[in-house]
PDB file of N, CA and C in Angstrom:
ATOM      1  N   UNK A   1     -93.813  93.267 135.469  1.00  0.00           N
ATOM      2  CA  UNK A   1     -93.976  94.356 136.280  1.00  0.00           C
ATOM      3  C   UNK A   1     -95.219  95.303 135.887  1.00  0.00           C
ATOM      4  N   UNK A   2     -96.133  95.790 136.669  1.00  0.00           N
ATOM      5  CA  UNK A   2     -96.847  96.856 136.367  1.00  0.00           C
ATOM      6  C   UNK A   2     -96.135  98.038 136.667  1.00  0.00           C
ATOM      7  N   UNK A   3     -96.468  99.116 135.944  1.00  0.00           N
ATOM      8  CA  UNK A   3     -96.053 100.526 136.159  1.00  0.00           C
ATOM      9  C   UNK A   3     -96.087 100.917 137.824  1.00  0.00           C
ATOM     10  N   UNK A   4     -96.863 100.637 138.456  1.00  0.00           N
ATOM     11  CA  UNK A   4     -97.066 100.952 139.781  1.00  0.00           C
ATOM     12  C   UNK A   4     -96.245  99.756 140.998  1.00  0.00           C
ATOM     13  N   UNK A   5     -95.474  99.073 139.879  1.00  0.00           N
ATOM     14  CA  UNK A   5     -94.494  98.098 140.861  1.00  0.00           C
ATOM     15  C   UNK A   5     -94.863  96.773 141.305  1.00  0.00           C
ATOM     16  N   UNK A   6     -96.333  96.634 141.240  1.00  0.00           N
ATOM     17  CA  UNK A   6     -97.146  95.463 141.514  1.00  0.00           C
ATOM     18  C   UNK A   6     -97.015  94.365 140.059  1.00  0.00           C
ATOM     19  N   UNK A   7     -96.473  93.260 140.603  1.00  0.00           N
ATOM     20  CA  UNK A   7     -96.301  92.148 139.557  1.00  0.00           C
ATOM     21  C   UNK A   7     -97.262  91.930 138.835  1.00  0.00           C
ATOM     22  N   UNK A   8     -97.280  91.459 137.553  1.00  0.00           N
ATOM     23  CA  UNK A   8     -98.316  91.256 136.276  1.00  0.00           C
ATOM     24  C   UNK A   8     -98.413  89.728 136.340  1.00  0.00           C
ATOM     25  N   UNK A   9     -99.812  89.252 136.848  1.00  0.00           N
ATOM     26  CA  UNK A   9    -100.338  88.004 137.006  1.00  0.00           C
ATOM     27  C   UNK A   9    -101.018  87.489 135.579  1.00  0.00           C
ATOM     28  N   UNK A  10    -101.215  86.068 135.935  1.00  0.00           N
ATOM     29  CA  UNK A  10    -102.000  85.653 134.520  1.00  0.00           C
ATOM     30  C   UNK A  10    -103.317  86.216 134.705  1.00  0.00           C
ATOM     31  N   UNK A  11    -103.770  86.416 135.749  1.00  0.00           N
ATOM     32  CA  UNK A  11    -105.361  86.966 135.641  1.00  0.00           C
ATOM     33  C   UNK A  11    -105.645  88.471 135.662  1.00  0.00           C
ATOM     34  N   UNK A  12    -104.390  89.358 135.969  1.00  0.00           N
ATOM     35  CA  UNK A  12    -104.459  90.830 135.983  1.00  0.00           C
ATOM     36  C   UNK A  12    -105.064  91.493 135.096  1.00  0.00           C
ATOM     37  N   UNK A  13    -105.117  90.755 133.648  1.00  0.00           N
ATOM     38  CA  UNK A  13    -106.076  91.630 132.960  1.00  0.00           C
ATOM     39  C   UNK A  13    -107.721  91.209 133.271  1.00  0.00           C
ATOM     40  N   UNK A  14    -108.154  90.464 133.749  1.00  0.00           N
ATOM     41  CA  UNK A  14    -109.428  90.005 134.259  1.00  0.00           C
ATOM     42  C   UNK A  14    -109.466  90.535 135.635  1.00  0.00           C
ATOM     43  N   UNK A  15    -108.564  90.717 136.106  1.00  0.00           N
ATOM     44  CA  UNK A  15    -109.131  91.278 138.123  1.00  0.00           C
ATOM     45  C   UNK A  15    -110.319  91.373 138.342  1.00  0.00           C
ATOM     46  N   UNK A  16    -110.830  92.312 137.627  1.00  0.00           N
ATOM     47  CA  UNK A  16    -112.271  92.748 138.002  1.00  0.00           C
ATOM     48  C   UNK A  16    -113.365  91.908 137.834  1.00  0.00           C
ATOM     49  N   UNK A  17    -113.271  91.165 136.738  1.00  0.00           N
ATOM     50  CA  UNK A  17    -114.219  90.039 136.427  1.00  0.00           C
ATOM     51  C   UNK A  17    -113.880  89.165 137.407  1.00  0.00           C
ATOM     52  N   UNK A  18    -112.740  88.533 137.895  1.00  0.00           N
ATOM     53  CA  UNK A  18    -112.474  87.201 138.962  1.00  0.00           C
ATOM     54  C   UNK A  18    -113.056  88.081 140.207  1.00  0.00           C
ATOM     55  N   UNK A  19    -112.764  89.298 140.625  1.00  0.00           N
ATOM     56  CA  UNK A  19    -113.328  89.475 142.070  1.00  0.00           C
ATOM     57  C   UNK A  19    -114.909  89.649 141.987  1.00  0.00           C
ATOM     58  N   UNK A  20    -115.298  90.020 140.924  1.00  0.00           N
ATOM     59  CA  UNK A  20    -116.922  90.096 140.729  1.00  0.00           C
ATOM     60  C   UNK A  20    -117.378  88.747 141.075  1.00  0.00           C
ATOM     61  N   UNK A  21    -116.645  87.606 140.130  1.00  0.00           N
ATOM     62  CA  UNK A  21    -117.525  86.277 140.596  1.00  0.00           C
ATOM     63  C   UNK A  21    -116.976  85.748 142.086  1.00  0.00           C
ATOM     64  N   UNK A  22    -115.749  85.941 142.324  1.00  0.00           N
ATOM     65  CA  UNK A  22    -115.420  85.567 143.853  1.00  0.00           C
ATOM     66  C   UNK A  22    -116.632  86.302 144.913  1.00  0.00           C
ATOM     67  N   UNK A  23    -116.823  87.582 144.683  1.00  0.00           N
ATOM     68  CA  UNK A  23    -118.045  88.053 145.455  1.00  0.00           C
ATOM     69  C   UNK A  23    -119.463  87.239 145.475  1.00  0.00           C
ATOM     70  N   UNK A  24    -119.791  87.288 144.179  1.00  0.00           N
ATOM     71  CA  UNK A  24    -121.073  86.363 143.738  1.00  0.00           C
ATOM     72  C   UNK A  24    -120.832  85.059 144.671  1.00  0.00           C
ATOM     73  N   UNK A  25    -119.889  84.413 144.363  1.00  0.00           N
ATOM     74  CA  UNK A  25    -119.514  83.139 145.056  1.00  0.00           C
ATOM     75  C   UNK A  25    -119.718  83.439 146.796  1.00  0.00           C
ATOM     76  N   UNK A  26    -119.026  84.263 147.327  1.00  0.00           N
ATOM     77  CA  UNK A  26    -119.076  84.571 148.589  1.00  0.00           C
ATOM     78  C   UNK A  26    -121.042  84.617 149.171  1.00  0.00           C
ATOM     79  N   UNK A  27    -121.300  85.273 148.371  1.00  0.00           N
ATOM     80  CA  UNK A  27    -122.992  85.717 148.434  1.00  0.00           C
ATOM     81  C   UNK A  27    -123.735  84.369 148.523  1.00  0.00           C
ATOM     82  N   UNK A  28    -123.062  83.422 147.732  1.00  0.00           N
ATOM     83  CA  UNK A  28    -123.927  82.134 147.553  1.00  0.00           C
ATOM     84  C   UNK A  28    -123.649  81.512 149.038  1.00  0.00           C
ATOM     85  N   UNK A  29    -122.461  81.511 149.605  1.00  0.00           N
ATOM     86  CA  UNK A  29    -121.940  80.683 150.343  1.00  0.00           C
ATOM     87  C   UNK A  29    -122.788  81.501 151.947  1.00  0.00           C
ATOM     88  N   UNK A  30    -122.926  82.673 151.653  1.00  0.00           N
ATOM     89  CA  UNK A  30    -123.658  83.166 152.954  1.00  0.00           C
ATOM     90  C   UNK A  30    -125.268  82.782 152.577  1.00  0.00           C
ATOM     91  N   UNK A  31    -126.058  82.596 151.411  1.00  0.00           N
ATOM     92  CA  UNK A  31    -126.844  81.817 151.309  1.00  0.00           C
ATOM     93  C   UNK A  31    -127.387  80.625 151.675  1.00  0.00           C
ATOM     94  N   UNK A  32    -125.956  79.850 151.588  1.00  0.00           N
ATOM     95  CA  UNK A  32    -126.539  78.633 152.408  1.00  0.00           C
ATOM     96  C   UNK A  32    -126.185  78.405 153.707  1.00  0.00           C
ATOM     97  N   UNK A  33    -125.350  79.148 154.290  1.00  0.00           N
ATOM     98  CA  UNK A  33    -125.657  79.597 155.932  1.00  0.00           C
ATOM     99  C   UNK A  33    -127.043  79.974 156.390  1.00  0.00           C
ATOM    100  N   UNK A  34    -127.641  80.717 155.569  1.00  0.00           N
ATOM    101  CA  UNK A  34    -128.977  81.249 155.803  1.00  0.00           C
ATOM    102  C   UNK A  34    -130.048  80.122 155.834  1.00  0.00           C
ATOM    103  N   UNK A  35    -129.799  79.223 154.625  1.00  0.00           N
ATOM    104  CA  UNK A  35    -130.542  78.067 154.554  1.00  0.00           C
ATOM    105  C   UNK A  35    -130.466  77.367 155.575  1.00  0.00           C
ATOM    106  N   UNK A  36    -129.335  76.688 156.125  1.00  0.00           N
ATOM    107  CA  UNK A  36    -129.015  75.815 157.338  1.00  0.00           C
ATOM    108  C   UNK A  36    -129.264  76.422 158.626  1.00  0.00           C
ATOM    109  N   UNK A  37    -129.437  77.609 158.835  1.00  0.00           N
ATOM    110  CA  UNK A  37    -129.906  78.388 159.990  1.00  0.00           C
ATOM    111  C   UNK A  37    -131.713  78.132 160.030  1.00  0.00           C
ATOM    112  N   UNK A  38    -132.239  78.310 158.653  1.00  0.00           N
ATOM    113  CA  UNK A  38    -133.733  78.377 158.368  1.00  0.00           C
ATOM    114  C   UNK A  38    -133.880  76.795 158.572  1.00  0.00           C
ATOM    115  N   UNK A  39    -133.261  75.936 158.780  1.00  0.00           N
ATOM    116  CA  UNK A  39    -133.473  74.637 158.445  1.00  0.00           C
ATOM    117  C   UNK A  39    -134.288  74.150 157.070  1.00  0.00           C
ATOM    118  N   UNK A  40    -133.602  74.756 155.970  1.00  0.00           N
ATOM    119  CA  UNK A  40    -134.030  74.017 154.607  1.00  0.00           C
ATOM    120  C   UNK A  40    -133.848  72.762 154.525  1.00  0.00           C
ATOM    121  N   UNK A  41    -134.507  72.162 153.461  1.00  0.00           N
ATOM    122  CA  UNK A  41    -134.239  70.697 153.121  1.00  0.00           C
ATOM    123  C   UNK A  41    -132.847  70.599 152.625  1.00  0.00           C
ATOM    124  N   UNK A  42    -132.445  68.992 153.323  1.00  0.00           N
ATOM    125  CA  UNK A  42    -130.627  69.082 152.844  1.00  0.00           C
ATOM    126  C   UNK A  42    -130.632  68.771 151.248  1.00  0.00           C
ATOM    127  N   UNK A  43    -131.821  68.438 150.448  1.00  0.00           N
ATOM    128  CA  UNK A  43    -131.157  68.307 148.984  1.00  0.00           C
ATOM    129  C   UNK A  43    -131.346  69.786 148.352  1.00  0.00           C
ATOM    130  N   UNK A  44    -132.098  70.778 149.182  1.00  0.00           N
ATOM    131  CA  UNK A  44    -132.106  72.018 148.379  1.00  0.00           C
ATOM    132  C   UNK A  44    -130.191  72.803 148.669  1.00  0.00           C
ATOM    133  N   UNK A  45    -130.114  72.572 150.021  1.00  0.00           N
ATOM    134  CA  UNK A  45    -128.666  72.800 150.451  1.00  0.00           C
ATOM    135  C   UNK A  45    -127.721  72.356 149.620  1.00  0.00           C
ATOM    136  N   UNK A  46    -127.655  70.872 149.318  1.00  0.00           N
ATOM    137  CA  UNK A  46    -126.820  70.072 149.044  1.00  0.00           C
ATOM    138  C   UNK A  46    -126.675  70.581 147.048  1.00  0.00           C
ATOM    139  N   UNK A  47    -127.673  71.119 146.716  1.00  0.00           N
ATOM    140  CA  UNK A  47    -127.654  71.565 145.233  1.00  0.00           C
ATOM    141  C   UNK A  47    -127.291  73.004 145.140  1.00  0.00           C
ATOM    142  N   UNK A  48    -127.351  73.822 146.246  1.00  0.00           N
ATOM    143  CA  UNK A  48    -126.661  74.719 146.437  1.00  0.00           C
ATOM    144  C   UNK A  48    -125.098  74.670 146.542  1.00  0.00           C
ATOM    145  N   UNK A  49    -124.800  73.752 147.162  1.00  0.00           N
ATOM    146  CA  UNK A  49    -123.335  73.526 147.550  1.00  0.00           C
ATOM    147  C   UNK A  49    -122.778  73.167 145.942  1.00  0.00           C
ATOM    148  N   UNK A  50    -123.407  72.339 145.468  1.00  0.00           N
ATOM    149  CA  UNK A  50    -123.017  72.072 143.840  1.00  0.00           C
ATOM    150  C   UNK A  50    -122.874  73.156 143.080  1.00  0.00           C
ATOM    151  N   UNK A  51    -123.668  74.325 143.187  1.00  0.00           N
ATOM    152  CA  UNK A  51    -123.515  75.281 142.230  1.00  0.00           C
ATOM    153  C   UNK A  51    -122.389  75.987 142.640  1.00  0.00           C
ATOM    154  N   UNK A  52    -122.148  76.058 143.630  1.00  0.00           N
ATOM    155  CA  UNK A  52    -121.018  76.850 144.471  1.00  0.00           C
ATOM    156  C   UNK A  52    -119.584  76.448 143.809  1.00  0.00           C
ATOM    157  N   UNK A  53    -119.548  74.686 143.937  1.00  0.00           N
ATOM    158  CA  UNK A  53    -118.389  74.124 143.631  1.00  0.00           C
ATOM    159  C   UNK A  53    -118.279  74.388 142.049  1.00  0.00           C
ATOM    160  N   UNK A  54    -119.424  74.209 141.416  1.00  0.00           N
ATOM    161  CA  UNK A  54    -119.384  74.403 139.535  1.00  0.00           C
ATOM    162  C   UNK A  54    -118.630  76.037 139.403  1.00  0.00           C
ATOM    163  N   UNK A  55    -118.945  77.014 140.336  1.00  0.00           N
ATOM    164  CA  UNK A  55    -118.782  78.413 140.145  1.00  0.00           C
ATOM    165  C   UNK A  55    -117.078  78.230 140.938  1.00  0.00           C
ATOM    166  N   UNK A  56    -116.883  77.850 141.587  1.00  0.00           N
ATOM    167  CA  UNK A  56    -115.390  77.600 141.983  1.00  0.00           C
ATOM    168  C   UNK A  56    -114.469  77.044 141.112  1.00  0.00           C
ATOM    169  N   UNK A  57    -114.834  75.930 139.895  1.00  0.00           N
ATOM    170  CA  UNK A  57    -114.329  75.171 138.970  1.00  0.00           C
ATOM    171  C   UNK A  57    -114.199  76.145 138.108  1.00  0.00           C
ATOM    172  N   UNK A  58    -114.960  76.945 137.539  1.00  0.00           N
ATOM    173  CA  UNK A  58    -115.146  77.861 136.523  1.00  0.00           C
ATOM    174  C   UNK A  58    -113.620  78.922 136.944  1.00  0.00           C
ATOM    175  N   UNK A  59    -113.800  79.560 137.951  1.00  0.00           N
ATOM    176  CA  UNK A  59    -112.750  80.396 138.678  1.00  0.00           C
ATOM    177  C   UNK A  59    -111.529  79.676 138.329  1.00  0.00           C
ATOM    178  N   UNK A  60    -111.488  78.345 138.789  1.00  0.00           N
ATOM    179  CA  UNK A  60    -110.173  77.819 138.692  1.00  0.00           C
ATOM    180  C   UNK A  60    -109.425  77.505 137.249  1.00  0.00           C
ATOM    181  N   UNK A  61    -110.359  77.243 136.388  1.00  0.00           N
ATOM    182  CA  UNK A  61    -110.206  76.934 135.364  1.00  0.00           C
ATOM    183  C   UNK A  61    -109.662  78.225 134.636  1.00  0.00           C
ATOM    184  N   UNK A  62    -110.401  79.180 134.878  1.00  0.00           N
ATOM    185  CA  UNK A  62    -109.676  80.596 134.152  1.00  0.00           C
ATOM    186  C   UNK A  62    -108.340  80.910 134.854  1.00  0.00           C
ATOM    187  N   UNK A  63    -108.114  80.654 135.932  1.00  0.00           N
ATOM    188  CA  UNK A  63    -106.871  80.860 136.806  1.00  0.00           C
ATOM    189  C   UNK A  63    -105.957  80.220 136.157  1.00  0.00           C
ATOM    190  N   UNK A  64    -106.209  78.823 135.840  1.00  0.00           N
ATOM    191  CA  UNK A  64    -105.122  77.981 135.266  1.00  0.00           C
ATOM    192  C   UNK A  64    -104.904  78.492 133.697  1.00  0.00           C
ATOM    193  N   UNK A  65    -105.745  79.061 133.003  1.00  0.00           N
ATOM    194  CA  UNK A  65    -105.736  79.592 131.640  1.00  0.00           C
ATOM    195  C   UNK A  65    -104.729  80.770 131.540  1.00  0.00           C
ATOM    196  N   UNK A  66    -105.066  81.766 132.604  1.00  0.00           N
ATOM    197  CA  UNK A  66    -104.062  83.094 132.506  1.00  0.00           C
ATOM    198  C   UNK A  66    -102.937  82.671 132.957  1.00  0.00           C
ATOM    199  N   UNK A  67    -102.781  81.342 133.948  1.00  0.00           N
ATOM    200  CA  UNK A  67    -101.353  81.040 134.432  1.00  0.00           C
ATOM    201  C   UNK A  67    -100.414  80.402 133.272  1.00  0.00           C
ATOM    202  N   UNK A  68    -101.232  79.762 132.366  1.00  0.00           N
ATOM    203  CA  UNK A  68    -100.663  78.903 131.423  1.00  0.00           C
ATOM    204  C   UNK A  68    -100.173  80.113 130.234  1.00  0.00           C
ATOM    205  N   UNK A  69    -100.921  81.021 129.862  1.00  0.00           N
ATOM    206  CA  UNK A  69    -100.853  81.941 128.756  1.00  0.00           C
ATOM    207  C   UNK A  69     -99.987  82.978 129.272  1.00  0.00           C
ATOM    208  N   UNK A  70    -100.038  83.403 130.264  1.00  0.00           N
ATOM    209  CA  UNK A  70     -98.903  84.321 131.111  1.00  0.00           C
ATOM    210  C   UNK A  70     -97.719  84.152 131.559  1.00  0.00           C
ATOM    211  N   UNK A  71     -97.923  83.248 132.854  1.00  0.00           N
ATOM    212  CA  UNK A  71     -96.848  82.786 133.685  1.00  0.00           C
ATOM    213  C   UNK A  71     -95.826  81.654 133.099  1.00  0.00           C
ATOM    214  N   UNK A  72     -96.601  80.390 132.613  1.00  0.00           N
ATOM    215  CA  UNK A  72     -95.673  79.712 132.195  1.00  0.00           C
ATOM    216  C   UNK A  72     -95.327  79.860 130.963  1.00  0.00           C
ATOM    217  N   UNK A  73     -95.853  80.640 130.431  1.00  0.00           N
ATOM    218  CA  UNK A  73     -95.197  81.217 128.772  1.00  0.00           C
ATOM    219  C   UNK A  73     -93.965  82.297 129.025  1.00  0.00           C
ATOM    220  N   UNK A  74     -93.874  83.054 129.981  1.00  0.00           N
ATOM    221  CA  UNK A  74     -92.901  83.744 130.471  1.00  0.00           C
ATOM    222  C   UNK A  74     -91.993  83.153 131.372  1.00  0.00           C
ATOM    223  N   UNK A  75     -92.124  81.998 131.823  1.00  0.00           N
ATOM    224  CA  UNK A  75     -91.060  81.116 132.622  1.00  0.00           C
ATOM    225  C   UNK A  75     -90.475  80.279 131.519  1.00  0.00           C
ATOM    226  N   UNK A  76     -91.221  79.684 130.398  1.00  0.00           N
ATOM    227  CA  UNK A  76     -90.477  79.352 129.524  1.00  0.00           C
ATOM    228  C   UNK A  76     -89.055  80.207 128.702  1.00  0.00           C
ATOM    229  N   UNK A  77     -89.792  81.488 128.480  1.00  0.00           N
ATOM    230  CA  UNK A  77     -88.870  82.293 127.852  1.00  0.00           C
ATOM    231  C   UNK A  77     -87.391  82.534 128.697  1.00  0.00           C
ATOM    232  N   UNK A  78     -87.848  82.648 130.041  1.00  0.00           N
ATOM    233  CA  UNK A  78     -86.666  82.402 130.905  1.00  0.00           C
ATOM    234  C   UNK A  78     -85.918  81.197 131.006  1.00  0.00           C
ATOM    235  N   UNK A  79     -86.395  80.230 130.363  1.00  0.00           N
ATOM    236  CA  UNK A  79     -85.644  78.840 130.575  1.00  0.00           C
ATOM    237  C   UNK A  79     -85.944  78.288 131.698  1.00  0.00           C
ATOM    238  N   UNK A  80     -87.495  78.318 132.071  1.00  0.00           N
ATOM    239  CA  UNK A  80     -87.883  77.564 133.338  1.00  0.00           C
ATOM    240  C   UNK A  80     -88.867  76.662 133.131  1.00  0.00           C
ATOM    241  N   UNK A  81     -89.129  76.082 132.146  1.00  0.00           N
ATOM    242  CA  UNK A  81     -90.104  75.571 131.137  1.00  0.00           C
ATOM    243  C   UNK A  81     -90.415  74.216 131.931  1.00  0.00           C
ATOM    244  N   UNK A  82     -89.501  73.397 132.291  1.00  0.00           N
ATOM    245  CA  UNK A  82     -89.744  72.206 132.843  1.00  0.00           C
ATOM    246  C   UNK A  82     -90.144  72.829 134.396  1.00  0.00           C
ATOM    247  N   UNK A  83     -89.990  73.378 135.250  1.00  0.00           N
ATOM    248  CA  UNK A  83     -90.091  73.808 136.739  1.00  0.00           C
ATOM    249  C   UNK A  83     -91.332  74.244 136.682  1.00  0.00           C
ATOM    250  N   UNK A  84     -91.829  75.228 135.700  1.00  0.00           N
ATOM    251  CA  UNK A  84     -93.311  75.722 135.400  1.00  0.00           C
ATOM    252  C   UNK A  84     -94.414  74.529 135.455  1.00  0.00           C
ATOM    253  N   UNK A  85     -93.833  73.768 134.449  1.00  0.00           N
ATOM    254  CA  UNK A  85     -94.817  72.833 134.038  1.00  0.00           C
ATOM    255  C   UNK A  85     -94.991  71.646 135.311  1.00  0.00           C
ATOM    256  N   UNK A  86     -93.955  71.575 135.935  1.00  0.00           N
ATOM    257  CA  UNK A  86     -93.850  70.823 136.996  1.00  0.00           C
ATOM    258  C   UNK A  86     -95.045  71.555 138.207  1.00  0.00           C
ATOM    259  N   UNK A  87     -95.082  72.829 138.297  1.00  0.00           N
ATOM    260  CA  UNK A  87     -95.817  73.695 139.134  1.00  0.00           C
ATOM    261  C   UNK A  87     -97.455  73.688 138.728  1.00  0.00           C
ATOM    262  N   UNK A  88     -97.146  73.535 137.527  1.00  0.00           N
ATOM    263  CA  UNK A  88     -98.547  73.694 136.966  1.00  0.00           C
ATOM    264  C   UNK A  88     -99.339  71.983 137.021  1.00  0.00           C
ATOM    265  N   UNK A  89     -98.578  71.239 136.756  1.00  0.00           N
ATOM    266  CA  UNK A  89     -99.183  70.141 136.712  1.00  0.00           C
ATOM    267  C   UNK A  89     -99.685  69.791 138.511  1.00  0.00           C
ATOM    268  N   UNK A  90     -98.821  70.083 139.249  1.00  0.00           N
ATOM    269  CA  UNK A  90     -99.029  69.871 140.618  1.00  0.00           C
ATOM    270  C   UNK A  90    -100.401  70.627 141.265  1.00  0.00           C
ATOM    271  N   UNK A  91    -100.548  71.892 140.814  1.00  0.00           N
ATOM    272  CA  UNK A  91    -101.628  72.475 140.817  1.00  0.00           C
ATOM    273  C   UNK A  91    -102.843  72.070 140.210  1.00  0.00           C
ATOM    274  N   UNK A  92    -102.789  71.434 138.934  1.00  0.00           N
ATOM    275  CA  UNK A  92    -103.911  70.693 138.496  1.00  0.00           C
ATOM    276  C   UNK A  92    -104.328  69.338 139.452  1.00  0.00           C
ATOM    277  N   UNK A  93    -103.214  68.726 139.582  1.00  0.00           N
ATOM    278  CA  UNK A  93    -103.362  67.366 140.608  1.00  0.00           C
ATOM    279  C   UNK A  93    -104.244  67.725 141.799  1.00  0.00           C
ATOM    280  N   UNK A  94    -103.795  69.029 142.622  1.00  0.00           N
ATOM    281  CA  UNK A  94    -104.626  69.355 143.680  1.00  0.00           C
ATOM    282  C   UNK A  94    -105.980  69.557 143.104  1.00  0.00           C
ATOM    283  N   UNK A  95    -106.474  70.369 141.998  1.00  0.00           N
ATOM    284  CA  UNK A  95    -107.662  70.758 141.917  1.00  0.00           C
ATOM    285  C   UNK A  95    -108.646  69.279 141.652  1.00  0.00           C
ATOM    286  N   UNK A  96    -107.700  68.395 141.169  1.00  0.00           N
ATOM    287  CA  UNK A  96    -108.776  67.108 140.708  1.00  0.00           C
ATOM    288  C   UNK A  96    -108.616  66.158 142.056  1.00  0.00           C
ATOM    289  N   UNK A  97    -108.218  66.366 143.125  1.00  0.00           N
ATOM    290  CA  UNK A  97    -108.060  65.241 144.098  1.00  0.00           C
ATOM    291  C   UNK A  97    -109.223  66.000 145.159  1.00  0.00           C
ATOM    292  N   UNK A  98    -109.877  67.040 144.699  1.00  0.00           N
ATOM    293  CA  UNK A  98    -111.174  67.371 145.730  1.00  0.00           C
ATOM    294  C   UNK A  98    -112.092  66.310 145.841  1.00  0.00           C
ATOM    295  N   UNK A  99    -112.536  66.276 146.988  1.00  0.00           N
ATOM    296  CA  UNK A  99    -113.536  65.565 147.486  1.00  0.00           C
ATOM    297  C   UNK A  99    -113.302  63.933 148.162  1.00  0.00           C
TER     298      UNK A  99
END
């Protein structure tokens, strides 16, 4: 728990970097909206969608890394290793079932 009472998360140390990435992705999504509005070529739109998916995957991997290094490690210290591992694998499974 942080000094201000906010819980510490696996991404807390890199929160600013994470928010910057998410804002960039948000801008890319708005760009796709404009591309559709301007009747741009389908393949160009699809290429941008692929770029956004790759950027989101990178964010997800960073979040998973932080979760393992912080949340799962902390849970293991508290005797919740099995529960945390099950939760982690369920999250990984959801990420992999995309599409």
